[in-house]
Amino acid sequence: MNPMTFCAVLAMGGAVFSANDNPASIDYPETRRVDQVDVYHGVEVADPYRWLEADVRESEEVAAWVAAQNEVTFEYLESIPERELLRERLTNLWDFERYSSPFKAGGRYYYSKNDGLQDHGVIYVMEALDAEPEILMDPNTWSEDGTTALAGLSFSDDGRYVAYAKSEAGSDWRTWYVMDIESRRTLEDAIQWVRFSGVSWTKDGRGFFYSRFDEPDEGEKHQVVALDQKLYYHRVGTSQSEDVLVYHRPDQPEWGYGPHVTEDGRYLLIYVWRGAEPRNRVMYRDLMDPYAMPVDLIEEFEYRFSFVGNDGPVFYFRTNYEAPKNRIIAIDIRKP
């Protein structure tokens, strides 16, 4: 294969640095092909490199392929004389302290801070605005190579717990854990097989709602299609196998569900989404009635509806219904 041409131009202090073509030929590793053919709407589509979709941490063959590709890649990159100048310049540009906007949850104040070159921001907690910040959690300690990231936070209203999600190697699979904030102790709760869902605590702080998929077959974790999501309730301190199924539509495998408990703790809002469509349905359930079933409020995928808040049975939504630039509407669920 002909050598790739790499040109990098960096203006730095009035000087311009460029990399010349590398004359050496590149001998790429051999990539195995397999006889994999899928049929979509009656059309056969070959996928000879399907085996490369396996998790590099679990497949020795994929790990060896990646190592061989990296060897070729970095041998070429390291031959570029301007590369170190680029690294130094970019490092200097990125090396500054960064803070998130602070927020209050459960009676405490939180923010994230990156010292400059950390892979992930560190989450800090303050008991009061004039108190000394303390580390709540540091995602930089979760993996040696920095590939395990914080992918979600949700605090219980009573300030006792925080649910937090971890994502590994950029995967959209999430595992949720629960920390006791006072002791900084992570409990044994581990909520697996979550994608495209946050968590929403009940007002009493005893548990939360979330959506998940069934556990994939062995070796199919990164190939399985996101279908047949289910909405569950998890009680803190119990096993995920004991979680209560709240809503599931086996006749609508493409539907996904986003839970949201109202600020007064009375209702569970259920956003219903379908694929990447910018439209959603909405259901609600009265949490004061243990036998209540979810009630359809917005029954069609025609417009976007985002819950703003409620005054008892009057729900407020931001929507593009009859308003291309959006508006706020009120829906009284007693006479919707």
C-alpha atoms as a PDB file:
ATOM      1  CA  MET A   1       0.000   0.000   0.000  1.00  0.00           C
ATOM      2  CA  ASN A   2       1.283   3.452  -0.835  1.00  0.00           C
ATOM      3  CA  PRO A   3       2.428   5.498   2.145  1.00  0.00           C
ATOM      4  CA  MET A   4      -0.073   7.888   3.649  1.00  0.00           C
ATOM      5  CA  THR A   5       0.669  11.568   3.341  1.00  0.00           C
ATOM      6  CA  PHE A   6       0.617  13.483   6.581  1.00  0.00           C
ATOM      7  CA  CYS A   7       0.704  17.277   6.596  1.00  0.00           C
ATOM      8  CA  ALA A   8       0.457  19.173   9.820  1.00  0.00           C
ATOM      9  CA  VAL A   9       0.739  22.919   9.966  1.00  0.00           C
ATOM     10  CA  LEU A  10       0.909  24.708  13.280  1.00  0.00           C
ATOM     11  CA  ALA A  11       1.210  28.440  13.718  1.00  0.00           C
ATOM     12  CA  MET A  12       3.096  28.980  16.942  1.00  0.00           C
ATOM     13  CA  GLY A  13       4.717  32.213  17.919  1.00  0.00           C
ATOM     14  CA  GLY A  14       4.917  33.331  14.299  1.00  0.00           C
ATOM     15  CA  ALA A  15       6.665  30.125  13.159  1.00  0.00           C
ATOM     16  CA  VAL A  16       5.044  27.515  10.932  1.00  0.00           C
ATOM     17  CA  PHE A  17       5.977  23.832  11.263  1.00  0.00           C
ATOM     18  CA  SER A  18       5.131  21.215   8.664  1.00  0.00           C
ATOM     19  CA  ALA A  19       5.710  17.476   8.284  1.00  0.00           C
ATOM     20  CA  ASN A  20       7.023  16.118   5.002  1.00  0.00           C
ATOM     21  CA  ASP A  21       5.771  12.930   3.400  1.00  0.00           C
ATOM     22  CA  ASN A  22       7.247   9.798   4.915  1.00  0.00           C
ATOM     23  CA  PRO A  23       8.850   7.889   2.016  1.00  0.00           C
ATOM     24  CA  ALA A  24       8.785   4.526   3.797  1.00  0.00           C
ATOM     25  CA  SER A  25       6.126   2.097   2.643  1.00  0.00           C
ATOM     26  CA  ILE A  26       3.618   0.917   5.218  1.00  0.00           C
ATOM     27  CA  ASP A  27       3.148  -2.821   5.621  1.00  0.00           C
ATOM     28  CA  TYR A  28      -0.268  -3.213   7.249  1.00  0.00           C
ATOM     29  CA  PRO A  29      -1.148  -6.373   9.219  1.00  0.00           C
ATOM     30  CA  GLU A  30      -3.346  -8.917   7.499  1.00  0.00           C
ATOM     31  CA  THR A  31      -7.035  -8.657   8.509  1.00  0.00           C
ATOM     32  CA  ARG A  32      -9.028 -11.862   8.486  1.00  0.00           C
ATOM     33  CA  ARG A  33     -12.315 -11.937   6.569  1.00  0.00           C
ATOM     34  CA  VAL A  34     -15.290 -14.083   7.545  1.00  0.00           C
ATOM     35  CA  ASP A  35     -18.305 -15.335   5.635  1.00  0.00           C
ATOM     36  CA  GLN A  36     -20.902 -13.143   7.349  1.00  0.00           C
ATOM     37  CA  VAL A  37     -23.943 -12.006   5.379  1.00  0.00           C
ATOM     38  CA  ASP A  38     -27.025 -10.292   6.796  1.00  0.00           C
ATOM     39  CA  VAL A  39     -30.332  -9.777   5.024  1.00  0.00           C
ATOM     40  CA  TYR A  40     -32.018  -6.387   5.411  1.00  0.00           C
ATOM     41  CA  HIS A  41     -35.392  -5.938   3.718  1.00  0.00           C
ATOM     42  CA  GLY A  42     -34.546  -8.710   1.299  1.00  0.00           C
ATOM     43  CA  VAL A  43     -31.086  -7.355   0.434  1.00  0.00           C
ATOM     44  CA  GLU A  44     -27.973  -9.358   1.287  1.00  0.00           C
ATOM     45  CA  VAL A  45     -25.259  -7.240   2.948  1.00  0.00           C
ATOM     46  CA  ALA A  46     -21.804  -8.728   3.469  1.00  0.00           C
ATOM     47  CA  ASP A  47     -20.029  -7.939   6.740  1.00  0.00           C
ATOM     48  CA  PRO A  48     -16.678  -9.777   6.541  1.00  0.00           C
ATOM     49  CA  TYR A  49     -15.165  -7.912   9.490  1.00  0.00           C
ATOM     50  CA  ARG A  50     -17.958  -8.603  11.991  1.00  0.00           C
ATOM     51  CA  TRP A  51     -15.501 -10.387  14.272  1.00  0.00           C
ATOM     52  CA  LEU A  52     -13.743  -7.065  14.930  1.00  0.00           C
ATOM     53  CA  GLU A  53     -16.830  -5.831  16.799  1.00  0.00           C
ATOM     54  CA  ALA A  54     -15.993  -8.106  19.737  1.00  0.00           C
ATOM     55  CA  ASP A  55     -14.838  -6.400  22.955  1.00  0.00           C
ATOM     56  CA  VAL A  56     -11.070  -5.886  22.737  1.00  0.00           C
ATOM     57  CA  ARG A  57     -10.841  -6.686  26.463  1.00  0.00           C
ATOM     58  CA  GLU A  58     -12.473 -10.079  25.965  1.00  0.00           C
ATOM     59  CA  SER A  59     -11.249 -11.244  22.543  1.00  0.00           C
ATOM     60  CA  GLU A  60      -7.576 -12.207  22.285  1.00  0.00           C
ATOM     61  CA  GLU A  61      -7.778 -12.110  18.482  1.00  0.00           C
ATOM     62  CA  VAL A  62      -9.163  -8.555  18.402  1.00  0.00           C
ATOM     63  CA  ALA A  63      -6.629  -7.429  21.018  1.00  0.00           C
ATOM     64  CA  ALA A  64      -3.780  -8.855  18.894  1.00  0.00           C
ATOM     65  CA  TRP A  65      -5.158  -7.109  15.785  1.00  0.00           C
ATOM     66  CA  VAL A  66      -5.374  -3.761  17.588  1.00  0.00           C
ATOM     67  CA  ALA A  67      -1.825  -4.179  18.957  1.00  0.00           C
ATOM     68  CA  ALA A  68      -0.491  -4.900  15.462  1.00  0.00           C
ATOM     69  CA  GLN A  69      -2.321  -1.897  13.986  1.00  0.00           C
ATOM     70  CA  ASN A  70      -1.027   0.349  16.771  1.00  0.00           C
ATOM     71  CA  GLU A  71       2.520  -0.792  16.147  1.00  0.00           C
ATOM     72  CA  VAL A  72       2.283   0.255  12.500  1.00  0.00           C
ATOM     73  CA  THR A  73       0.467   3.488  13.309  1.00  0.00           C
ATOM     74  CA  PHE A  74       2.797   4.735  16.022  1.00  0.00           C
ATOM     75  CA  GLU A  75       5.909   3.765  14.084  1.00  0.00           C
ATOM     76  CA  TYR A  76       4.690   6.144  11.382  1.00  0.00           C
ATOM     77  CA  LEU A  77       3.553   8.899  13.729  1.00  0.00           C
ATOM     78  CA  GLU A  78       6.784   8.846  15.702  1.00  0.00           C
ATOM     79  CA  SER A  79       8.739   9.454  12.491  1.00  0.00           C
ATOM     80  CA  ILE A  80       7.116  12.876  12.080  1.00  0.00           C
ATOM     81  CA  PRO A  81       9.588  15.451  13.431  1.00  0.00           C
ATOM     82  CA  GLU A  82       6.881  18.043  14.210  1.00  0.00           C
ATOM     83  CA  ARG A  83       4.843  15.622  16.329  1.00  0.00           C
ATOM     84  CA  GLU A  84       6.486  16.483  19.641  1.00  0.00           C
ATOM     85  CA  LEU A  85       6.059  20.209  18.979  1.00  0.00           C
ATOM     86  CA  LEU A  86       2.356  19.613  18.366  1.00  0.00           C
ATOM     87  CA  ARG A  87       2.099  17.592  21.569  1.00  0.00           C
ATOM     88  CA  GLU A  88       3.786  20.272  23.634  1.00  0.00           C
ATOM     89  CA  ARG A  89       1.665  23.060  22.176  1.00  0.00           C
ATOM     90  CA  LEU A  90      -1.640  21.222  22.636  1.00  0.00           C
ATOM     91  CA  THR A  91      -0.647  20.192  26.169  1.00  0.00           C
ATOM     92  CA  ASN A  92       0.038  23.833  27.061  1.00  0.00           C
ATOM     93  CA  LEU A  93      -3.316  24.906  25.594  1.00  0.00           C
ATOM     94  CA  TRP A  94      -5.253  22.279  27.552  1.00  0.00           C
ATOM     95  CA  ASP A  95      -3.388  22.654  30.844  1.00  0.00           C
ATOM     96  CA  PHE A  96      -5.680  24.938  32.827  1.00  0.00           C
ATOM     97  CA  GLU A  97      -8.161  24.420  35.655  1.00  0.00           C
ATOM     98  CA  ARG A  98     -11.761  23.845  34.565  1.00  0.00           C
ATOM     99  CA  TYR A  99     -14.872  23.981  36.730  1.00  0.00           C
ATOM    100  CA  SER A 100     -18.457  23.006  36.094  1.00  0.00           C
ATOM    101  CA  SER A 101     -21.348  25.164  37.235  1.00  0.00           C
ATOM    102  CA  PRO A 102     -22.150  24.344  40.880  1.00  0.00           C
ATOM    103  CA  PHE A 103     -25.527  22.924  41.807  1.00  0.00           C
ATOM    104  CA  LYS A 104     -27.421  22.098  44.979  1.00  0.00           C
ATOM    105  CA  ALA A 105     -28.904  18.678  45.721  1.00  0.00           C
ATOM    106  CA  GLY A 106     -30.150  17.163  48.943  1.00  0.00           C
ATOM    107  CA  GLY A 107     -28.958  20.114  51.032  1.00  0.00           C
ATOM    108  CA  ARG A 108     -25.366  20.087  49.753  1.00  0.00           C
ATOM    109  CA  TYR A 109     -23.475  21.832  46.952  1.00  0.00           C
ATOM    110  CA  TYR A 110     -21.598  20.001  44.202  1.00  0.00           C
ATOM    111  CA  TYR A 111     -19.309  20.806  41.293  1.00  0.00           C
ATOM    112  CA  SER A 112     -16.662  19.105  39.173  1.00  0.00           C
ATOM    113  CA  LYS A 113     -13.090  20.293  38.690  1.00  0.00           C
ATOM    114  CA  ASN A 114     -10.307  19.220  36.347  1.00  0.00           C
ATOM    115  CA  ASP A 115      -6.814  20.328  37.334  1.00  0.00           C
ATOM    116  CA  GLY A 116      -5.877  20.654  33.691  1.00  0.00           C
ATOM    117  CA  LEU A 117      -4.596  17.374  32.293  1.00  0.00           C
ATOM    118  CA  GLN A 118      -6.748  14.894  34.176  1.00  0.00           C
ATOM    119  CA  ASP A 119      -8.731  12.410  32.075  1.00  0.00           C
ATOM    120  CA  HIS A 120     -11.886  13.169  34.051  1.00  0.00           C
ATOM    121  CA  GLY A 121     -13.226  15.891  36.285  1.00  0.00           C
ATOM    122  CA  VAL A 122     -13.321  15.191  40.027  1.00  0.00           C
ATOM    123  CA  ILE A 123     -16.666  15.599  41.821  1.00  0.00           C
ATOM    124  CA  TYR A 124     -16.488  17.815  44.917  1.00  0.00           C
ATOM    125  CA  VAL A 125     -19.055  18.341  47.675  1.00  0.00           C
ATOM    126  CA  MET A 126     -19.544  21.246  50.099  1.00  0.00           C
ATOM    127  CA  GLU A 127     -21.806  21.199  53.140  1.00  0.00           C
ATOM    128  CA  ALA A 128     -22.308  24.973  52.789  1.00  0.00           C
ATOM    129  CA  LEU A 129     -21.227  27.716  50.393  1.00  0.00           C
ATOM    130  CA  ASP A 130     -18.422  28.789  52.738  1.00  0.00           C
ATOM    131  CA  ALA A 131     -17.344  25.240  53.631  1.00  0.00           C
ATOM    132  CA  GLU A 132     -14.137  23.541  52.495  1.00  0.00           C
ATOM    133  CA  PRO A 133     -14.678  21.406  49.357  1.00  0.00           C
ATOM    134  CA  GLU A 134     -14.198  17.660  49.781  1.00  0.00           C
ATOM    135  CA  ILE A 135     -13.830  14.976  47.132  1.00  0.00           C
ATOM    136  CA  LEU A 136     -16.993  12.962  46.650  1.00  0.00           C
ATOM    137  CA  MET A 137     -15.654  10.736  43.875  1.00  0.00           C
ATOM    138  CA  ASP A 138     -12.683  10.728  41.545  1.00  0.00           C
ATOM    139  CA  PRO A 139     -13.268   8.859  38.266  1.00  0.00           C
ATOM    140  CA  ASN A 140      -9.536   9.072  37.511  1.00  0.00           C
ATOM    141  CA  THR A 141      -8.999   6.287  40.049  1.00  0.00           C
ATOM    142  CA  TRP A 142     -11.416   3.868  38.373  1.00  0.00           C
ATOM    143  CA  SER A 143      -9.019   2.630  35.670  1.00  0.00           C
ATOM    144  CA  GLU A 144      -5.312   2.910  34.965  1.00  0.00           C
ATOM    145  CA  ASP A 145      -5.792   4.017  31.363  1.00  0.00           C
ATOM    146  CA  GLY A 146      -8.625   6.475  32.027  1.00  0.00           C
ATOM    147  CA  THR A 147     -11.172   4.574  29.921  1.00  0.00           C
ATOM    148  CA  THR A 148     -13.736   4.204  32.714  1.00  0.00           C
ATOM    149  CA  ALA A 149     -15.810   7.378  32.893  1.00  0.00           C
ATOM    150  CA  LEU A 150     -18.571   8.899  34.985  1.00  0.00           C
ATOM    151  CA  ALA A 151     -21.705   8.704  32.839  1.00  0.00           C
ATOM    152  CA  GLY A 152     -24.468   9.974  35.129  1.00  0.00           C
ATOM    153  CA  LEU A 153     -25.320  11.359  38.577  1.00  0.00           C
ATOM    154  CA  SER A 154     -28.626  11.437  40.456  1.00  0.00           C
ATOM    155  CA  PHE A 155     -29.062  12.512  44.096  1.00  0.00           C
ATOM    156  CA  SER A 156     -31.831  11.408  46.418  1.00  0.00           C
ATOM    157  CA  ASP A 157     -33.966  14.273  47.760  1.00  0.00           C
ATOM    158  CA  ASP A 158     -33.031  13.515  51.369  1.00  0.00           C
ATOM    159  CA  GLY A 159     -29.337  13.926  50.548  1.00  0.00           C
ATOM    160  CA  ARG A 160     -28.417  10.459  51.787  1.00  0.00           C
ATOM    161  CA  TYR A 161     -27.544   8.747  48.512  1.00  0.00           C
ATOM    162  CA  VAL A 162     -26.161   9.450  45.076  1.00  0.00           C
ATOM    163  CA  ALA A 163     -26.620   7.055  42.184  1.00  0.00           C
ATOM    164  CA  TYR A 164     -23.796   7.242  39.676  1.00  0.00           C
ATOM    165  CA  ALA A 165     -23.138   5.466  36.383  1.00  0.00           C
ATOM    166  CA  LYS A 166     -19.894   4.131  34.967  1.00  0.00           C
ATOM    167  CA  SER A 167     -19.139   3.668  31.271  1.00  0.00           C
ATOM    168  CA  GLU A 168     -16.174   1.633  30.069  1.00  0.00           C
ATOM    169  CA  ALA A 169     -14.155   2.287  26.922  1.00  0.00           C
ATOM    170  CA  GLY A 170     -16.718   4.677  25.480  1.00  0.00           C
ATOM    171  CA  SER A 171     -19.520   2.112  25.503  1.00  0.00           C
ATOM    172  CA  ASP A 172     -23.127   3.303  25.754  1.00  0.00           C
ATOM    173  CA  TRP A 173     -23.781   0.508  28.260  1.00  0.00           C
ATOM    174  CA  ARG A 174     -23.970   1.876  31.799  1.00  0.00           C
ATOM    175  CA  THR A 175     -23.715   0.248  35.215  1.00  0.00           C
ATOM    176  CA  TRP A 176     -25.310   2.265  38.018  1.00  0.00           C
ATOM    177  CA  TYR A 177     -24.045   2.189  41.614  1.00  0.00           C
ATOM    178  CA  VAL A 178     -25.251   3.768  44.852  1.00  0.00           C
ATOM    179  CA  MET A 179     -23.015   5.681  47.284  1.00  0.00           C
ATOM    180  CA  ASP A 180     -23.825   6.653  50.851  1.00  0.00           C
ATOM    181  CA  ILE A 181     -22.735  10.303  50.719  1.00  0.00           C
ATOM    182  CA  GLU A 182     -21.952  10.745  54.417  1.00  0.00           C
ATOM    183  CA  SER A 183     -19.586   7.764  54.613  1.00  0.00           C
ATOM    184  CA  ARG A 184     -18.487   7.850  50.930  1.00  0.00           C
ATOM    185  CA  ARG A 185     -19.193   4.105  50.911  1.00  0.00           C
ATOM    186  CA  THR A 186     -20.406   2.500  47.688  1.00  0.00           C
ATOM    187  CA  LEU A 187     -23.125  -0.017  48.442  1.00  0.00           C
ATOM    188  CA  GLU A 188     -23.449  -3.460  46.871  1.00  0.00           C
ATOM    189  CA  ASP A 189     -26.194  -2.274  44.501  1.00  0.00           C
ATOM    190  CA  ALA A 190     -25.144  -2.710  40.846  1.00  0.00           C
ATOM    191  CA  ILE A 191     -27.699  -1.955  38.127  1.00  0.00           C
ATOM    192  CA  GLN A 192     -26.516  -3.452  34.841  1.00  0.00           C
ATOM    193  CA  TRP A 193     -27.573  -3.504  31.188  1.00  0.00           C
ATOM    194  CA  VAL A 194     -28.700   0.119  31.158  1.00  0.00           C
ATOM    195  CA  ARG A 195     -28.553   2.144  27.935  1.00  0.00           C
ATOM    196  CA  PHE A 196     -30.194   5.452  27.052  1.00  0.00           C
ATOM    197  CA  SER A 197     -31.673   5.930  30.526  1.00  0.00           C
ATOM    198  CA  GLY A 198     -31.019   7.946  33.634  1.00  0.00           C
ATOM    199  CA  VAL A 199     -32.485   7.242  37.062  1.00  0.00           C
ATOM    200  CA  SER A 200     -35.131   9.146  39.021  1.00  0.00           C
ATOM    201  CA  TRP A 201     -35.476   8.803  42.807  1.00  0.00           C
ATOM    202  CA  THR A 202     -38.735   8.503  44.679  1.00  0.00           C
ATOM    203  CA  LYS A 203     -39.369  11.295  47.195  1.00  0.00           C
ATOM    204  CA  ASP A 204     -38.653   9.033  50.189  1.00  0.00           C
ATOM    205  CA  GLY A 205     -35.144   8.268  48.906  1.00  0.00           C
ATOM    206  CA  ARG A 206     -35.681   4.534  49.250  1.00  0.00           C
ATOM    207  CA  GLY A 207     -35.212   3.727  45.557  1.00  0.00           C
ATOM    208  CA  PHE A 208     -35.340   4.917  41.973  1.00  0.00           C
ATOM    209  CA  PHE A 209     -36.825   4.191  38.562  1.00  0.00           C
ATOM    210  CA  TYR A 210     -34.669   3.307  35.566  1.00  0.00           C
ATOM    211  CA  SER A 211     -34.895   1.558  32.199  1.00  0.00           C
ATOM    212  CA  ARG A 212     -32.813  -1.381  31.027  1.00  0.00           C
ATOM    213  CA  PHE A 213     -32.518  -4.059  28.372  1.00  0.00           C
ATOM    214  CA  ASP A 214     -32.327  -7.802  28.843  1.00  0.00           C
ATOM    215  CA  GLU A 215     -28.849  -9.201  29.391  1.00  0.00           C
ATOM    216  CA  PRO A 216     -27.316  -9.963  25.966  1.00  0.00           C
ATOM    217  CA  ASP A 217     -26.184 -13.434  25.040  1.00  0.00           C
ATOM    218  CA  GLU A 218     -22.530 -14.159  25.697  1.00  0.00           C
ATOM    219  CA  GLY A 219     -20.330 -12.405  23.162  1.00  0.00           C
ATOM    220  CA  GLU A 220     -23.190 -10.242  21.864  1.00  0.00           C
ATOM    221  CA  LYS A 221     -22.852  -7.280  24.229  1.00  0.00           C
ATOM    222  CA  HIS A 222     -21.639  -4.879  21.537  1.00  0.00           C
ATOM    223  CA  GLN A 223     -23.648  -6.341  18.644  1.00  0.00           C
ATOM    224  CA  VAL A 224     -27.116  -6.615  20.158  1.00  0.00           C
ATOM    225  CA  VAL A 225     -29.748  -4.221  18.789  1.00  0.00           C
ATOM    226  CA  ALA A 226     -31.338  -1.855  21.335  1.00  0.00           C
ATOM    227  CA  LEU A 227     -34.837  -3.342  21.413  1.00  0.00           C
ATOM    228  CA  ASP A 228     -37.399  -4.263  24.045  1.00  0.00           C
ATOM    229  CA  GLN A 229     -36.447  -1.825  26.811  1.00  0.00           C
ATOM    230  CA  LYS A 230     -38.239  -2.187  30.161  1.00  0.00           C
ATOM    231  CA  LEU A 231     -38.910   0.256  33.004  1.00  0.00           C
ATOM    232  CA  TYR A 232     -38.042  -0.933  36.535  1.00  0.00           C
ATOM    233  CA  TYR A 233     -38.030   0.269  40.139  1.00  0.00           C
ATOM    234  CA  HIS A 234     -34.969  -0.498  42.291  1.00  0.00           C
ATOM    235  CA  ARG A 235     -35.041  -0.453  46.102  1.00  0.00           C
ATOM    236  CA  VAL A 236     -31.690   0.543  47.652  1.00  0.00           C
ATOM    237  CA  GLY A 237     -29.936  -2.353  49.341  1.00  0.00           C
ATOM    238  CA  THR A 238     -31.568  -5.081  47.264  1.00  0.00           C
ATOM    239  CA  SER A 239     -30.386  -7.177  44.331  1.00  0.00           C
ATOM    240  CA  GLN A 240     -31.237  -6.114  40.794  1.00  0.00           C
ATOM    241  CA  SER A 241     -33.003  -9.462  40.379  1.00  0.00           C
ATOM    242  CA  GLU A 242     -35.599  -8.201  42.882  1.00  0.00           C
ATOM    243  CA  ASP A 243     -36.380  -5.011  40.945  1.00  0.00           C
ATOM    244  CA  VAL A 244     -40.044  -4.450  40.130  1.00  0.00           C
ATOM    245  CA  LEU A 245     -41.105  -4.276  36.481  1.00  0.00           C
ATOM    246  CA  VAL A 246     -43.117  -1.058  36.106  1.00  0.00           C
ATOM    247  CA  TYR A 247     -43.848  -0.917  32.392  1.00  0.00           C
ATOM    248  CA  HIS A 248     -43.137  -2.998  29.315  1.00  0.00           C
ATOM    249  CA  ARG A 249     -44.688  -3.206  25.866  1.00  0.00           C
ATOM    250  CA  PRO A 250     -43.548  -6.439  24.190  1.00  0.00           C
ATOM    251  CA  ASP A 251     -45.743  -5.514  21.221  1.00  0.00           C
ATOM    252  CA  GLN A 252     -43.662  -2.325  20.756  1.00  0.00           C
ATOM    253  CA  PRO A 253     -40.014  -3.479  20.906  1.00  0.00           C
ATOM    254  CA  GLU A 254     -38.726  -0.180  19.458  1.00  0.00           C
ATOM    255  CA  TRP A 255     -40.145   1.890  22.324  1.00  0.00           C
ATOM    256  CA  GLY A 256     -37.824   3.226  25.026  1.00  0.00           C
ATOM    257  CA  TYR A 257     -38.727   4.791  28.371  1.00  0.00           C
ATOM    258  CA  GLY A 258     -37.397   7.722  30.378  1.00  0.00           C
ATOM    259  CA  PRO A 259     -38.600   8.015  34.016  1.00  0.00           C
ATOM    260  CA  HIS A 260     -39.068  11.287  35.889  1.00  0.00           C
ATOM    261  CA  VAL A 261     -40.566  11.652  39.379  1.00  0.00           C
ATOM    262  CA  THR A 262     -42.282  15.005  39.945  1.00  0.00           C
ATOM    263  CA  GLU A 263     -40.787  17.345  42.539  1.00  0.00           C
ATOM    264  CA  ASP A 264     -43.705  16.778  44.909  1.00  0.00           C
ATOM    265  CA  GLY A 265     -43.126  13.015  44.669  1.00  0.00           C
ATOM    266  CA  ARG A 266     -46.718  12.351  43.664  1.00  0.00           C
ATOM    267  CA  TYR A 267     -46.370  11.259  40.052  1.00  0.00           C
ATOM    268  CA  LEU A 268     -44.047   9.265  37.843  1.00  0.00           C
ATOM    269  CA  LEU A 269     -43.752  10.739  34.346  1.00  0.00           C
ATOM    270  CA  ILE A 270     -42.769   8.226  31.662  1.00  0.00           C
ATOM    271  CA  TYR A 271     -41.342   9.621  28.440  1.00  0.00           C
ATOM    272  CA  VAL A 272     -41.824   7.195  25.571  1.00  0.00           C
ATOM    273  CA  TRP A 273     -39.342   7.530  22.724  1.00  0.00           C
ATOM    274  CA  ARG A 274     -38.782   5.608  19.516  1.00  0.00           C
ATOM    275  CA  GLY A 275     -35.368   5.426  17.884  1.00  0.00           C
ATOM    276  CA  ALA A 276     -33.843   8.795  17.077  1.00  0.00           C
ATOM    277  CA  GLU A 277     -37.196  10.492  16.445  1.00  0.00           C
ATOM    278  CA  PRO A 278     -37.442  14.011  17.945  1.00  0.00           C
ATOM    279  CA  ARG A 279     -41.005  13.251  19.068  1.00  0.00           C
ATOM    280  CA  ASN A 280     -42.311  11.477  22.132  1.00  0.00           C
ATOM    281  CA  ARG A 281     -45.340  10.173  23.948  1.00  0.00           C
ATOM    282  CA  VAL A 282     -45.957  10.797  27.657  1.00  0.00           C
ATOM    283  CA  MET A 283     -47.565   8.673  30.346  1.00  0.00           C
ATOM    284  CA  TYR A 284     -47.936   9.185  34.072  1.00  0.00           C
ATOM    285  CA  ARG A 285     -48.599   7.054  37.119  1.00  0.00           C
ATOM    286  CA  ASP A 286     -49.956   8.119  40.512  1.00  0.00           C
ATOM    287  CA  LEU A 287     -47.354   6.947  43.046  1.00  0.00           C
ATOM    288  CA  MET A 288     -49.765   7.404  45.947  1.00  0.00           C
ATOM    289  CA  ASP A 289     -51.874   4.543  44.632  1.00  0.00           C
ATOM    290  CA  PRO A 290     -49.939   1.242  44.805  1.00  0.00           C
ATOM    291  CA  TYR A 291     -52.343  -0.330  42.308  1.00  0.00           C
ATOM    292  CA  ALA A 292     -52.348   2.543  39.804  1.00  0.00           C
ATOM    293  CA  MET A 293     -51.523   1.748  36.202  1.00  0.00           C
ATOM    294  CA  PRO A 294     -49.672   4.102  33.831  1.00  0.00           C
ATOM    295  CA  VAL A 295     -52.090   6.458  32.064  1.00  0.00           C
ATOM    296  CA  ASP A 296     -51.543   7.747  28.523  1.00  0.00           C
ATOM    297  CA  LEU A 297     -51.371  11.554  28.476  1.00  0.00           C
ATOM    298  CA  ILE A 298     -49.741  12.273  25.100  1.00  0.00           C
ATOM    299  CA  GLU A 299     -50.762   9.326  22.947  1.00  0.00           C
ATOM    300  CA  GLU A 300     -49.034   9.928  19.618  1.00  0.00           C
ATOM    301  CA  PHE A 301     -45.485  10.457  18.318  1.00  0.00           C
ATOM    302  CA  GLU A 302     -46.292  13.809  16.715  1.00  0.00           C
ATOM    303  CA  TYR A 303     -44.521  16.489  18.781  1.00  0.00           C
ATOM    304  CA  ARG A 304     -41.903  16.969  21.495  1.00  0.00           C
ATOM    305  CA  PHE A 305     -43.069  17.294  25.089  1.00  0.00           C
ATOM    306  CA  SER A 306     -40.585  18.054  27.892  1.00  0.00           C
ATOM    307  CA  PHE A 307     -41.885  18.154  31.453  1.00  0.00           C
ATOM    308  CA  VAL A 308     -41.230  21.454  33.254  1.00  0.00           C
ATOM    309  CA  GLY A 309     -43.057  20.944  36.549  1.00  0.00           C
ATOM    310  CA  ASN A 310     -46.461  20.483  38.107  1.00  0.00           C
ATOM    311  CA  ASP A 311     -48.900  22.174  40.441  1.00  0.00           C
ATOM    312  CA  GLY A 312     -50.722  19.134  41.754  1.00  0.00           C
ATOM    313  CA  PRO A 313     -52.624  17.595  38.828  1.00  0.00           C
ATOM    314  CA  VAL A 314     -51.706  20.436  36.464  1.00  0.00           C
ATOM    315  CA  PHE A 315     -48.655  19.465  34.414  1.00  0.00           C
ATOM    316  CA  TYR A 316     -46.532  21.993  32.518  1.00  0.00           C
ATOM    317  CA  PHE A 317     -44.668  21.044  29.353  1.00  0.00           C
ATOM    318  CA  ARG A 318     -42.344  22.722  26.891  1.00  0.00           C
ATOM    319  CA  THR A 319     -43.513  21.659  23.445  1.00  0.00           C
ATOM    320  CA  ASN A 320     -43.461  22.427  19.739  1.00  0.00           C
ATOM    321  CA  TYR A 321     -47.143  21.514  19.449  1.00  0.00           C
ATOM    322  CA  GLU A 322     -48.652  24.297  17.297  1.00  0.00           C
ATOM    323  CA  ALA A 323     -45.496  26.292  18.076  1.00  0.00           C
ATOM    324  CA  PRO A 324     -42.434  25.752  15.836  1.00  0.00           C
ATOM    325  CA  LYS A 325     -40.341  27.874  18.228  1.00  0.00           C
ATOM    326  CA  ASN A 326     -41.767  26.072  21.280  1.00  0.00           C
ATOM    327  CA  ARG A 327     -44.047  27.250  24.063  1.00  0.00           C
ATOM    328  CA  ILE A 328     -45.123  26.289  27.595  1.00  0.00           C
ATOM    329  CA  ILE A 329     -48.511  24.632  27.961  1.00  0.00           C
ATOM    330  CA  ALA A 330     -50.510  23.374  30.938  1.00  0.00           C
ATOM    331  CA  ILE A 331     -52.422  20.083  30.948  1.00  0.00           C
ATOM    332  CA  ASP A 332     -54.843  19.281  33.750  1.00  0.00           C
ATOM    333  CA  ILE A 333     -54.712  15.496  33.995  1.00  0.00           C
ATOM    334  CA  ARG A 334     -58.231  15.501  35.499  1.00  0.00           C
ATOM    335  CA  LYS A 335     -59.542  16.731  32.155  1.00  0.00           C
ATOM    336  CA  PRO A 336     -56.710  16.342  29.642  1.00  0.00           C
END
